[in-house]
């Protein structure tokens, strides 16, 4: 089965990504950790059988390693003034592929090709709740139906429930619950799940700074 893995991503620019990790991290260190998370996510998408990796990108990429990884994906710009609008626009932009879409973010570097493949199996929709009350994955057979997200408040403790309510009328498969990376506690826990990944390595590099 072919499907689109749509990754919503922000260019890892210091001071613009993962600022909730600061302190104890500096803006540059947080950007390095964010870049590693994005690279692990892209790597998983590229290794998923049948997946067409598409990255909806906000910002300008200046890092060579991220630029090289993006060259292996379809890259589209994010459009919209709110995150909900950008989600709706990204799904609409990939509707041209004529495939189901599994949309994720760049802050769950613990995803694997096996997990992504299993989550792509659904009839109409799929939703993976995050431990903080949001969600980490949304699957849609028809990506244009993402229009229901337009009025869903994002980045709140009830975003997951509100999104599920917005999908009312669709058959929704519940996906595994994951922790996304917002705080240092999240980062340490997630790194422990994927100790051999770039994310864990990037976090280990700033470990001495965190300990001080």
N, C-alpha and C. Protein backbone atom coordinates (compact mmCIF):
# COMPACT_ATOMS: atom_id res chain seq x y z
N UNK A 1 0.83 -1.19 0.00
CA UNK A 1 0.00 0.00 0.00
C UNK A 1 0.87 1.25 0.00
N UNK A 2 0.52 2.20 -0.84
CA UNK A 2 1.25 3.46 -0.89
C UNK A 2 0.49 4.52 -0.10
N UNK A 3 1.23 5.34 0.60
CA UNK A 3 0.62 6.42 1.36
C UNK A 3 1.65 7.53 1.56
N UNK A 4 1.16 8.70 1.87
CA UNK A 4 2.03 9.84 2.13
C UNK A 4 2.31 9.92 3.62
N UNK A 5 3.58 10.03 3.98
CA UNK A 5 3.95 10.41 5.34
C UNK A 5 4.24 11.91 5.30
N UNK A 6 3.33 12.67 5.87
CA UNK A 6 3.43 14.12 5.86
C UNK A 6 4.03 14.59 7.18
N UNK A 7 5.20 15.18 7.11
CA UNK A 7 5.90 15.64 8.32
C UNK A 7 5.79 17.17 8.40
N UNK A 8 5.13 17.65 9.45
CA UNK A 8 5.07 19.09 9.69
C UNK A 8 6.36 19.47 10.42
N UNK A 9 7.13 20.36 9.81
CA UNK A 9 8.46 20.66 10.37
C UNK A 9 8.77 22.14 10.33
N UNK A 10 9.58 22.54 11.29
CA UNK A 10 10.08 23.91 11.35
C UNK A 10 11.60 23.85 11.23
N UNK A 11 12.15 24.72 10.42
CA UNK A 11 13.60 24.74 10.26
C UNK A 11 14.27 24.95 11.62
N UNK A 12 15.29 24.14 11.93
CA UNK A 12 15.93 24.24 13.26
C UNK A 12 16.83 25.45 13.40
N UNK A 13 16.21 26.60 13.56
CA UNK A 13 16.94 27.86 13.72
C UNK A 13 16.98 28.22 15.21
N UNK A 14 18.16 28.51 15.75
CA UNK A 14 18.25 28.86 17.17
C UNK A 14 17.31 29.99 17.55
N UNK A 15 16.60 29.77 18.64
CA UNK A 15 15.66 30.77 19.12
C UNK A 15 14.27 30.64 18.55
N UNK A 16 14.10 29.71 17.58
CA UNK A 16 12.80 29.55 16.94
C UNK A 16 12.22 28.15 17.10
N UNK A 17 13.00 27.21 17.60
CA UNK A 17 12.51 25.84 17.79
C UNK A 17 12.88 25.34 19.18
N UNK A 18 11.98 24.54 19.73
CA UNK A 18 12.20 23.87 21.02
C UNK A 18 12.71 24.81 22.10
N UNK A 19 12.14 26.01 22.16
CA UNK A 19 12.57 26.98 23.15
C UNK A 19 12.16 26.59 24.57
N UNK A 20 11.22 25.64 24.70
CA UNK A 20 10.86 25.18 26.04
C UNK A 20 11.96 24.32 26.66
N UNK A 21 12.97 23.97 25.86
CA UNK A 21 14.13 23.27 26.40
C UNK A 21 15.16 24.25 26.96
N UNK A 22 14.86 25.53 26.87
CA UNK A 22 15.80 26.58 27.29
C UNK A 22 15.21 27.38 28.46
N UNK A 23 15.89 27.45 29.58
CA UNK A 23 17.00 26.61 29.98
C UNK A 23 16.50 25.20 30.32
N UNK A 24 17.37 24.23 30.47
CA UNK A 24 18.82 24.37 30.65
C UNK A 24 19.62 24.51 29.35
N UNK A 25 19.02 24.22 28.20
CA UNK A 25 19.78 24.31 26.96
C UNK A 25 19.86 25.75 26.48
N UNK A 26 20.88 26.04 25.69
CA UNK A 26 20.94 27.32 24.98
C UNK A 26 20.08 27.20 23.74
N UNK A 27 19.80 28.32 23.10
CA UNK A 27 18.99 28.28 21.87
C UNK A 27 19.67 27.43 20.80
N UNK A 28 21.01 27.54 20.70
CA UNK A 28 21.72 26.74 19.70
C UNK A 28 21.63 25.26 20.00
N UNK A 29 21.79 24.90 21.27
CA UNK A 29 21.71 23.49 21.65
C UNK A 29 20.31 22.94 21.39
N UNK A 30 19.30 23.72 21.70
CA UNK A 30 17.92 23.29 21.44
C UNK A 30 17.69 23.10 19.95
N UNK A 31 18.27 23.97 19.13
CA UNK A 31 18.13 23.83 17.68
C UNK A 31 18.85 22.57 17.18
N UNK A 32 20.00 22.26 17.78
CA UNK A 32 20.72 21.04 17.41
C UNK A 32 19.89 19.80 17.75
N UNK A 33 19.26 19.81 18.91
CA UNK A 33 18.41 18.69 19.32
C UNK A 33 17.20 18.58 18.39
N UNK A 34 16.62 19.73 18.02
CA UNK A 34 15.49 19.73 17.10
C UNK A 34 15.89 19.19 15.73
N UNK A 35 17.07 19.57 15.27
CA UNK A 35 17.55 19.08 13.97
C UNK A 35 17.71 17.56 14.00
N UNK A 36 18.26 17.05 15.09
CA UNK A 36 18.44 15.60 15.22
C UNK A 36 17.09 14.89 15.23
N UNK A 37 16.12 15.48 15.90
CA UNK A 37 14.78 14.90 15.94
C UNK A 37 14.17 14.85 14.54
N UNK A 38 14.33 15.94 13.80
CA UNK A 38 13.82 15.98 12.42
C UNK A 38 14.53 14.96 11.54
N UNK A 39 15.84 14.84 11.69
CA UNK A 39 16.60 13.89 10.86
C UNK A 39 16.19 12.45 11.15
N UNK A 40 15.98 12.12 12.42
CA UNK A 40 15.52 10.76 12.76
C UNK A 40 14.12 10.51 12.19
N UNK A 41 13.27 11.52 12.24
CA UNK A 41 11.91 11.38 11.71
C UNK A 41 11.93 11.17 10.20
N UNK A 42 12.71 11.97 9.51
CA UNK A 42 12.82 11.81 8.06
C UNK A 42 13.39 10.45 7.70
N UNK A 43 14.42 10.01 8.44
CA UNK A 43 15.03 8.71 8.18
C UNK A 43 14.00 7.59 8.31
N UNK A 44 13.16 7.66 9.35
CA UNK A 44 12.12 6.64 9.53
C UNK A 44 11.14 6.67 8.37
N UNK A 45 10.74 7.87 7.94
CA UNK A 45 9.79 7.98 6.83
C UNK A 45 10.38 7.43 5.53
N UNK A 46 11.66 7.75 5.28
CA UNK A 46 12.31 7.28 4.06
C UNK A 46 12.46 5.76 4.03
N UNK A 47 12.53 5.15 5.20
CA UNK A 47 12.71 3.70 5.29
C UNK A 47 11.41 2.92 5.41
N UNK A 48 10.29 3.63 5.36
CA UNK A 48 8.99 2.98 5.49
C UNK A 48 8.50 2.49 4.14
N UNK A 49 8.27 1.18 3.99
CA UNK A 49 7.83 0.64 2.70
C UNK A 49 6.53 1.29 2.23
N UNK A 50 6.51 1.70 0.97
CA UNK A 50 5.30 2.26 0.38
C UNK A 50 5.05 3.71 0.71
N UNK A 51 5.89 4.31 1.54
CA UNK A 51 5.66 5.68 1.98
C UNK A 51 6.28 6.69 1.01
N UNK A 52 5.55 7.76 0.77
CA UNK A 52 6.06 8.91 0.03
C UNK A 52 6.30 10.02 1.05
N UNK A 53 7.54 10.28 1.42
CA UNK A 53 7.81 11.29 2.45
C UNK A 53 7.64 12.71 1.91
N UNK A 54 6.79 13.47 2.56
CA UNK A 54 6.57 14.87 2.22
C UNK A 54 6.79 15.70 3.48
N UNK A 55 7.60 16.72 3.37
CA UNK A 55 7.86 17.59 4.52
C UNK A 55 7.25 18.95 4.24
N UNK A 56 6.29 19.34 5.09
CA UNK A 56 5.72 20.69 5.03
C UNK A 56 6.59 21.56 5.93
N UNK A 57 7.35 22.44 5.32
CA UNK A 57 8.43 23.14 6.03
C UNK A 57 8.11 24.61 6.26
N UNK A 58 8.39 25.06 7.47
CA UNK A 58 8.32 26.47 7.81
C UNK A 58 9.74 26.96 8.07
N UNK A 59 10.11 28.05 7.43
CA UNK A 59 11.44 28.61 7.64
C UNK A 59 12.44 28.20 6.58
N UNK A 60 13.60 28.80 6.66
CA UNK A 60 14.69 28.55 5.70
C UNK A 60 15.72 27.65 6.35
N UNK A 61 16.09 26.59 5.64
CA UNK A 61 17.07 25.63 6.16
C UNK A 61 18.48 26.09 5.86
N UNK A 62 19.28 26.19 6.89
CA UNK A 62 20.67 26.61 6.73
C UNK A 62 21.66 25.51 7.09
N UNK A 63 21.16 24.42 7.65
CA UNK A 63 22.04 23.33 8.07
C UNK A 63 22.24 22.36 6.90
N UNK A 64 23.48 22.03 6.54
CA UNK A 64 23.74 21.11 5.42
C UNK A 64 23.15 19.72 5.65
N UNK A 65 23.19 19.22 6.89
CA UNK A 65 22.68 17.87 7.12
C UNK A 65 21.17 17.79 6.92
N UNK A 66 20.46 18.82 7.37
CA UNK A 66 19.01 18.85 7.17
C UNK A 66 18.69 19.07 5.69
N UNK A 67 19.44 19.94 5.05
CA UNK A 67 19.23 20.20 3.61
C UNK A 67 19.41 18.92 2.81
N UNK A 68 20.42 18.14 3.15
CA UNK A 68 20.68 16.88 2.44
C UNK A 68 19.54 15.89 2.65
N UNK A 69 19.02 15.80 3.86
CA UNK A 69 17.91 14.87 4.13
C UNK A 69 16.64 15.31 3.40
N UNK A 70 16.39 16.61 3.38
CA UNK A 70 15.20 17.11 2.70
C UNK A 70 15.25 16.87 1.20
N UNK A 71 16.46 16.79 0.65
CA UNK A 71 16.60 16.56 -0.79
C UNK A 71 16.02 15.21 -1.21
N UNK A 72 15.87 14.30 -0.25
CA UNK A 72 15.30 12.98 -0.54
C UNK A 72 13.78 12.95 -0.38
N UNK A 73 13.20 14.07 -0.01
CA UNK A 73 11.76 14.14 0.22
C UNK A 73 11.13 15.15 -0.73
N UNK A 74 9.82 15.10 -0.82
CA UNK A 74 9.08 16.19 -1.44
C UNK A 74 8.92 17.26 -0.36
N UNK A 75 9.29 18.48 -0.66
CA UNK A 75 9.20 19.57 0.31
C UNK A 75 8.20 20.60 -0.18
N UNK A 76 7.25 20.95 0.70
CA UNK A 76 6.27 21.97 0.38
C UNK A 76 6.31 23.03 1.49
N UNK A 77 6.00 24.27 1.16
CA UNK A 77 6.00 25.30 2.20
C UNK A 77 4.72 25.23 3.03
N UNK A 78 4.85 25.54 4.31
CA UNK A 78 3.65 25.66 5.14
C UNK A 78 2.95 26.96 4.78
N UNK A 79 1.60 26.90 4.79
CA UNK A 79 0.80 28.08 4.45
C UNK A 79 -0.26 28.28 5.52
N UNK A 80 -0.43 29.51 5.97
CA UNK A 80 -1.46 29.81 6.96
C UNK A 80 -0.90 30.56 8.13
N UNK A 81 -1.76 31.32 8.81
CA UNK A 81 -1.32 32.14 9.93
C UNK A 81 -1.36 31.41 11.26
N UNK A 82 -2.17 30.37 11.36
CA UNK A 82 -2.22 29.56 12.59
C UNK A 82 -1.78 28.14 12.26
N UNK A 83 -1.41 27.39 13.31
CA UNK A 83 -0.98 26.02 13.07
C UNK A 83 -2.10 25.19 12.48
N UNK A 84 -3.33 25.40 12.94
CA UNK A 84 -4.47 24.67 12.39
C UNK A 84 -4.61 24.94 10.90
N UNK A 85 -4.46 26.20 10.49
CA UNK A 85 -4.54 26.54 9.07
C UNK A 85 -3.42 25.90 8.28
N UNK A 86 -2.23 25.84 8.88
CA UNK A 86 -1.10 25.23 8.17
C UNK A 86 -1.31 23.73 8.00
N UNK A 87 -1.92 23.10 9.01
CA UNK A 87 -2.24 21.68 8.88
C UNK A 87 -3.22 21.44 7.74
N UNK A 88 -4.28 22.22 7.72
CA UNK A 88 -5.30 22.07 6.67
C UNK A 88 -4.67 22.28 5.29
N UNK A 89 -3.84 23.30 5.15
CA UNK A 89 -3.22 23.59 3.86
C UNK A 89 -2.27 22.49 3.43
N UNK A 90 -1.50 21.95 4.37
CA UNK A 90 -0.55 20.90 4.02
C UNK A 90 -1.28 19.66 3.53
N UNK A 91 -2.35 19.28 4.20
CA UNK A 91 -3.13 18.13 3.74
C UNK A 91 -3.72 18.39 2.36
N UNK A 92 -4.22 19.60 2.15
CA UNK A 92 -4.78 19.94 0.83
C UNK A 92 -3.71 19.87 -0.25
N UNK A 93 -2.50 20.30 0.09
CA UNK A 93 -1.41 20.30 -0.90
C UNK A 93 -0.99 18.89 -1.31
N UNK A 94 -1.09 17.93 -0.39
CA UNK A 94 -0.69 16.56 -0.74
C UNK A 94 -1.85 15.73 -1.28
N UNK A 95 -3.03 16.32 -1.33
CA UNK A 95 -4.17 15.58 -1.89
C UNK A 95 -3.93 15.21 -3.35
N UNK A 96 -3.06 15.97 -4.03
CA UNK A 96 -2.77 15.70 -5.43
C UNK A 96 -2.14 14.33 -5.66
N UNK A 97 -1.56 13.74 -4.61
CA UNK A 97 -0.94 12.43 -4.76
C UNK A 97 -1.99 11.33 -4.86
N UNK A 98 -3.22 11.62 -4.44
CA UNK A 98 -4.28 10.63 -4.52
C UNK A 98 -4.06 9.43 -3.61
N UNK A 99 -3.44 9.66 -2.47
CA UNK A 99 -3.13 8.59 -1.53
C UNK A 99 -3.63 8.96 -0.14
N UNK A 100 -3.81 7.96 0.72
CA UNK A 100 -4.06 8.26 2.13
C UNK A 100 -2.85 9.00 2.71
N UNK A 101 -3.08 9.75 3.77
CA UNK A 101 -2.02 10.53 4.39
C UNK A 101 -1.91 10.17 5.87
N UNK A 102 -0.68 9.97 6.31
CA UNK A 102 -0.39 9.84 7.74
C UNK A 102 0.49 11.03 8.09
N UNK A 103 -0.07 11.95 8.86
CA UNK A 103 0.65 13.18 9.19
C UNK A 103 1.22 13.10 10.60
N UNK A 104 2.49 13.45 10.71
CA UNK A 104 3.18 13.46 12.01
C UNK A 104 3.94 14.78 12.14
N UNK A 105 4.57 14.98 13.28
CA UNK A 105 5.42 16.14 13.47
C UNK A 105 6.88 15.75 13.49
N UNK A 106 7.73 16.70 13.87
CA UNK A 106 9.17 16.43 13.92
C UNK A 106 9.65 16.16 15.33
N UNK A 107 8.70 16.06 16.29
CA UNK A 107 9.10 15.93 17.68
C UNK A 107 8.74 14.58 18.30
N UNK A 108 8.65 13.56 17.45
CA UNK A 108 8.53 12.18 17.94
C UNK A 108 9.60 11.34 17.24
N UNK A 109 10.88 11.58 17.57
CA UNK A 109 11.97 10.87 16.89
C UNK A 109 12.02 9.39 17.19
N UNK A 110 11.15 8.91 18.09
CA UNK A 110 11.11 7.48 18.39
C UNK A 110 10.30 6.68 17.37
N UNK A 111 9.68 7.36 16.39
CA UNK A 111 8.91 6.61 15.39
C UNK A 111 9.85 5.72 14.58
N UNK A 112 9.34 4.59 14.15
CA UNK A 112 10.11 3.63 13.35
C UNK A 112 9.33 3.32 12.08
N UNK A 113 10.01 2.77 11.07
CA UNK A 113 9.29 2.36 9.87
C UNK A 113 8.18 1.35 10.18
N UNK A 114 8.43 0.45 11.10
CA UNK A 114 7.41 -0.53 11.47
C UNK A 114 6.19 0.15 12.07
N UNK A 115 6.41 1.12 12.94
CA UNK A 115 5.30 1.84 13.55
C UNK A 115 4.52 2.63 12.50
N UNK A 116 5.23 3.34 11.64
CA UNK A 116 4.56 4.13 10.62
C UNK A 116 3.74 3.25 9.68
N UNK A 117 4.30 2.12 9.30
CA UNK A 117 3.57 1.19 8.43
C UNK A 117 2.29 0.70 9.09
N UNK A 118 2.38 0.34 10.36
CA UNK A 118 1.21 -0.17 11.05
C UNK A 118 0.16 0.91 11.24
N UNK A 119 0.59 2.15 11.45
CA UNK A 119 -0.36 3.25 11.67
C UNK A 119 -1.05 3.69 10.39
N UNK A 120 -0.49 3.31 9.24
CA UNK A 120 -1.07 3.73 7.96
C UNK A 120 -2.24 2.86 7.53
N UNK A 121 -2.58 1.86 8.32
CA UNK A 121 -3.70 0.98 7.99
C UNK A 121 -4.96 1.46 8.71
N UNK A 122 -5.88 2.08 7.97
CA UNK A 122 -7.14 2.55 8.55
C UNK A 122 -8.15 2.73 7.41
N UNK A 123 -9.43 2.75 7.78
CA UNK A 123 -10.49 2.86 6.78
C UNK A 123 -10.72 4.32 6.36
N UNK A 124 -11.00 5.19 7.33
CA UNK A 124 -11.26 6.59 7.02
C UNK A 124 -10.28 7.53 7.71
N UNK A 125 -10.01 7.26 8.98
CA UNK A 125 -9.15 8.16 9.74
C UNK A 125 -8.44 7.40 10.85
N UNK A 126 -7.38 7.99 11.35
CA UNK A 126 -6.65 7.43 12.49
C UNK A 126 -6.11 8.59 13.31
N UNK A 127 -6.04 8.40 14.62
CA UNK A 127 -5.55 9.45 15.49
C UNK A 127 -4.70 8.85 16.60
N UNK A 128 -3.50 9.39 16.76
CA UNK A 128 -2.61 8.93 17.81
C UNK A 128 -2.45 10.02 18.86
N UNK A 129 -2.98 9.78 20.04
CA UNK A 129 -2.89 10.76 21.10
C UNK A 129 -1.46 10.86 21.63
N UNK A 130 -1.09 12.06 22.07
CA UNK A 130 0.18 12.27 22.76
C UNK A 130 -0.09 12.27 24.26
N UNK A 131 0.94 11.99 25.03
CA UNK A 131 0.78 11.89 26.48
C UNK A 131 0.38 13.20 27.13
N UNK A 132 0.65 14.33 26.44
CA UNK A 132 0.31 15.63 27.02
C UNK A 132 -1.10 16.08 26.69
N UNK A 133 -1.87 15.22 26.04
CA UNK A 133 -3.25 15.57 25.70
C UNK A 133 -3.44 16.02 24.27
N UNK A 134 -2.35 16.22 23.57
CA UNK A 134 -2.45 16.57 22.16
C UNK A 134 -2.48 15.31 21.31
N UNK A 135 -1.97 15.40 20.10
CA UNK A 135 -1.85 14.20 19.27
C UNK A 135 -0.57 14.28 18.45
N UNK A 136 -0.04 13.09 18.14
CA UNK A 136 1.23 13.04 17.40
C UNK A 136 1.04 12.56 15.98
N UNK A 137 -0.09 11.94 15.67
CA UNK A 137 -0.31 11.41 14.32
C UNK A 137 -1.79 11.52 13.95
N UNK A 138 -2.01 11.87 12.69
CA UNK A 138 -3.37 11.93 12.14
C UNK A 138 -3.36 11.27 10.78
N UNK A 139 -4.19 10.27 10.61
CA UNK A 139 -4.31 9.61 9.33
C UNK A 139 -5.65 9.94 8.69
N UNK A 140 -5.64 10.22 7.39
CA UNK A 140 -6.87 10.51 6.67
C UNK A 140 -6.84 9.81 5.31
N UNK A 141 -7.88 9.06 5.03
CA UNK A 141 -8.00 8.45 3.71
C UNK A 141 -8.13 9.54 2.65
N UNK A 142 -8.93 10.57 2.95
CA UNK A 142 -9.09 11.72 2.06
C UNK A 142 -8.49 12.93 2.78
N UNK A 143 -7.32 13.38 2.37
CA UNK A 143 -6.66 14.48 3.08
C UNK A 143 -7.44 15.79 3.07
N UNK A 144 -8.36 15.95 2.13
CA UNK A 144 -9.16 17.17 2.11
C UNK A 144 -10.08 17.27 3.33
N UNK A 145 -10.32 16.14 3.97
CA UNK A 145 -11.17 16.15 5.16
C UNK A 145 -10.45 16.74 6.37
N UNK A 146 -9.19 17.08 6.19
CA UNK A 146 -8.47 17.78 7.26
C UNK A 146 -9.03 19.18 7.49
N UNK A 147 -9.92 19.62 6.63
CA UNK A 147 -10.55 20.93 6.81
C UNK A 147 -11.26 21.04 8.16
N UNK A 148 -11.63 19.90 8.75
CA UNK A 148 -12.32 19.93 10.05
C UNK A 148 -11.40 20.43 11.16
N UNK A 149 -10.09 20.48 10.89
CA UNK A 149 -9.14 20.93 11.92
C UNK A 149 -9.08 22.44 12.04
N UNK A 150 -9.68 23.14 11.11
CA UNK A 150 -9.50 24.59 11.04
C UNK A 150 -9.88 25.30 12.34
N UNK A 151 -10.91 24.81 13.01
CA UNK A 151 -11.37 25.47 14.23
C UNK A 151 -10.98 24.73 15.50
N UNK A 152 -10.06 23.77 15.38
CA UNK A 152 -9.60 23.03 16.56
C UNK A 152 -8.45 23.79 17.21
N UNK A 153 -8.56 24.12 18.50
CA UNK A 153 -7.45 24.81 19.18
C UNK A 153 -6.26 23.86 19.34
N UNK A 154 -5.10 24.32 18.94
CA UNK A 154 -3.91 23.48 18.97
C UNK A 154 -3.04 23.79 20.20
N UNK A 155 -2.15 22.85 20.51
CA UNK A 155 -1.17 23.01 21.59
C UNK A 155 -1.84 23.24 22.94
N UNK A 156 -2.91 22.48 23.19
CA UNK A 156 -3.60 22.55 24.47
C UNK A 156 -3.77 21.14 25.02
N UNK A 157 -4.10 21.07 26.29
CA UNK A 157 -4.26 19.77 26.93
C UNK A 157 -5.48 19.01 26.41
N UNK A 158 -6.40 19.72 25.76
CA UNK A 158 -7.59 19.06 25.22
C UNK A 158 -7.59 18.98 23.70
N UNK A 159 -6.43 19.26 23.07
CA UNK A 159 -6.38 19.25 21.60
C UNK A 159 -6.71 17.87 21.04
N UNK A 160 -6.22 16.82 21.68
CA UNK A 160 -6.50 15.47 21.18
C UNK A 160 -7.99 15.17 21.20
N UNK A 161 -8.64 15.46 22.32
CA UNK A 161 -10.08 15.20 22.43
C UNK A 161 -10.86 16.07 21.46
N UNK A 162 -10.46 17.33 21.33
CA UNK A 162 -11.16 18.24 20.42
C UNK A 162 -10.98 17.80 18.96
N UNK A 163 -9.82 17.26 18.65
CA UNK A 163 -9.59 16.75 17.29
C UNK A 163 -10.46 15.53 17.03
N UNK A 164 -10.54 14.62 17.99
CA UNK A 164 -11.40 13.45 17.85
C UNK A 164 -12.85 13.87 17.65
N UNK A 165 -13.28 14.88 18.36
CA UNK A 165 -14.64 15.39 18.19
C UNK A 165 -14.84 15.95 16.79
N UNK A 166 -13.82 16.61 16.25
CA UNK A 166 -13.92 17.18 14.91
C UNK A 166 -14.02 16.10 13.84
N UNK A 167 -13.51 14.92 14.14
CA UNK A 167 -13.54 13.81 13.19
C UNK A 167 -14.85 13.03 13.28
N UNK A 168 -15.80 13.53 14.05
CA UNK A 168 -17.09 12.87 14.22
C UNK A 168 -17.73 12.58 12.87
N UNK A 169 -18.18 11.37 12.71
CA UNK A 169 -18.78 10.96 11.44
C UNK A 169 -17.83 10.10 10.61
N UNK A 170 -16.56 10.10 10.98
CA UNK A 170 -15.58 9.24 10.32
C UNK A 170 -15.30 8.04 11.22
N UNK A 171 -14.93 6.94 10.60
CA UNK A 171 -14.47 5.78 11.36
C UNK A 171 -13.02 6.04 11.73
N UNK A 172 -12.74 6.21 13.02
CA UNK A 172 -11.41 6.61 13.48
C UNK A 172 -10.72 5.46 14.20
N UNK A 173 -9.57 5.07 13.69
CA UNK A 173 -8.75 4.07 14.37
C UNK A 173 -7.88 4.78 15.41
N UNK A 174 -7.83 4.24 16.61
CA UNK A 174 -6.98 4.79 17.65
C UNK A 174 -5.58 4.20 17.54
N UNK A 175 -4.58 5.07 17.43
CA UNK A 175 -3.19 4.64 17.30
C UNK A 175 -2.51 4.63 18.67
N UNK A 176 -1.33 4.03 18.78
CA UNK A 176 -0.62 4.02 20.07
C UNK A 176 -0.36 5.43 20.58
N UNK A 177 -0.35 5.58 21.88
CA UNK A 177 -0.04 6.86 22.52
C UNK A 177 1.48 7.02 22.60
N UNK A 178 1.98 8.19 22.19
CA UNK A 178 3.41 8.47 22.26
C UNK A 178 3.65 9.77 23.02
N UNK A 179 4.86 9.93 23.49
CA UNK A 179 5.27 11.20 24.10
C UNK A 179 6.01 12.01 23.05
N UNK A 180 5.59 13.26 22.87
CA UNK A 180 6.37 14.13 22.00
C UNK A 180 7.33 14.95 22.85
N UNK A 181 8.27 15.60 22.20
CA UNK A 181 9.33 16.29 22.93
C UNK A 181 9.00 17.77 23.08
N UNK A 182 8.58 18.16 24.27
CA UNK A 182 8.34 19.56 24.57
C UNK A 182 9.26 20.07 25.67
N UNK A 183 9.52 19.22 26.67
CA UNK A 183 10.33 19.61 27.82
C UNK A 183 11.57 18.73 27.89
N UNK A 184 12.50 19.08 28.78
CA UNK A 184 13.69 18.26 28.94
C UNK A 184 13.34 16.88 29.47
N UNK A 185 12.34 16.80 30.34
CA UNK A 185 11.93 15.49 30.84
C UNK A 185 11.43 14.62 29.69
N UNK A 186 10.65 15.22 28.77
CA UNK A 186 10.20 14.49 27.58
C UNK A 186 11.40 14.02 26.76
N UNK A 187 12.34 14.94 26.55
CA UNK A 187 13.50 14.64 25.71
C UNK A 187 14.30 13.47 26.25
N UNK A 188 14.55 13.48 27.55
CA UNK A 188 15.33 12.41 28.17
C UNK A 188 14.58 11.08 28.06
N UNK A 189 13.27 11.10 28.29
CA UNK A 189 12.48 9.87 28.21
C UNK A 189 12.47 9.31 26.80
N UNK A 190 12.28 10.19 25.81
CA UNK A 190 12.23 9.74 24.42
C UNK A 190 13.60 9.23 23.97
N UNK A 191 14.66 9.92 24.36
CA UNK A 191 16.00 9.47 23.99
C UNK A 191 16.28 8.08 24.52
N UNK A 192 15.72 7.76 25.68
CA UNK A 192 15.91 6.43 26.24
C UNK A 192 15.25 5.34 25.42
N UNK A 193 14.25 5.72 24.64
CA UNK A 193 13.56 4.75 23.78
C UNK A 193 14.33 4.46 22.51
N UNK A 194 15.12 5.42 22.07
CA UNK A 194 15.90 5.27 20.83
C UNK A 194 17.35 5.68 21.10
N UNK A 195 18.05 4.92 21.92
CA UNK A 195 19.40 5.32 22.35
C UNK A 195 20.43 5.37 21.24
N UNK A 196 20.16 4.72 20.10
CA UNK A 196 21.13 4.70 19.01
C UNK A 196 20.84 5.74 17.93
N UNK A 197 19.83 6.57 18.13
CA UNK A 197 19.46 7.55 17.12
C UNK A 197 20.23 8.85 17.22
N UNK A 198 20.05 9.70 16.23
CA UNK A 198 20.68 11.02 16.24
C UNK A 198 20.18 11.86 17.40
N UNK A 199 18.90 11.69 17.72
CA UNK A 199 18.31 12.49 18.79
C UNK A 199 19.01 12.22 20.12
N UNK A 200 19.17 10.95 20.45
CA UNK A 200 19.83 10.60 21.70
C UNK A 200 21.28 11.09 21.70
N UNK A 201 21.94 10.99 20.55
CA UNK A 201 23.32 11.44 20.46
C UNK A 201 23.42 12.95 20.67
N UNK A 202 22.48 13.70 20.07
CA UNK A 202 22.49 15.15 20.22
C UNK A 202 22.22 15.54 21.67
N UNK A 203 21.33 14.81 22.31
CA UNK A 203 21.03 15.11 23.71
C UNK A 203 22.24 14.78 24.60
N UNK A 204 22.91 13.68 24.26
CA UNK A 204 24.08 13.30 25.06
C UNK A 204 25.19 14.37 24.92
N UNK A 205 25.29 14.98 23.76
CA UNK A 205 26.33 15.99 23.54
C UNK A 205 26.13 17.20 24.43
N UNK A 206 24.89 17.49 24.78
CA UNK A 206 24.65 18.64 25.64
C UNK A 206 24.45 18.21 27.10
N UNK A 207 24.71 16.94 27.37
CA UNK A 207 24.49 16.42 28.71
C UNK A 207 25.30 17.14 29.78
N UNK A 208 26.54 17.47 29.48
CA UNK A 208 27.39 18.16 30.46
C UNK A 208 26.83 19.54 30.79
N UNK A 209 26.26 20.18 29.76
CA UNK A 209 25.67 21.50 29.97
C UNK A 209 24.44 21.38 30.85
N UNK A 210 23.64 20.35 30.60
CA UNK A 210 22.42 20.15 31.38
C UNK A 210 22.76 19.89 32.84
N UNK A 211 23.84 19.16 33.07
CA UNK A 211 24.20 18.75 34.43
C UNK A 211 24.73 19.90 35.28
N UNK A 212 25.23 20.95 34.68
CA UNK A 212 25.84 22.04 35.45
C UNK A 212 24.82 22.84 36.23
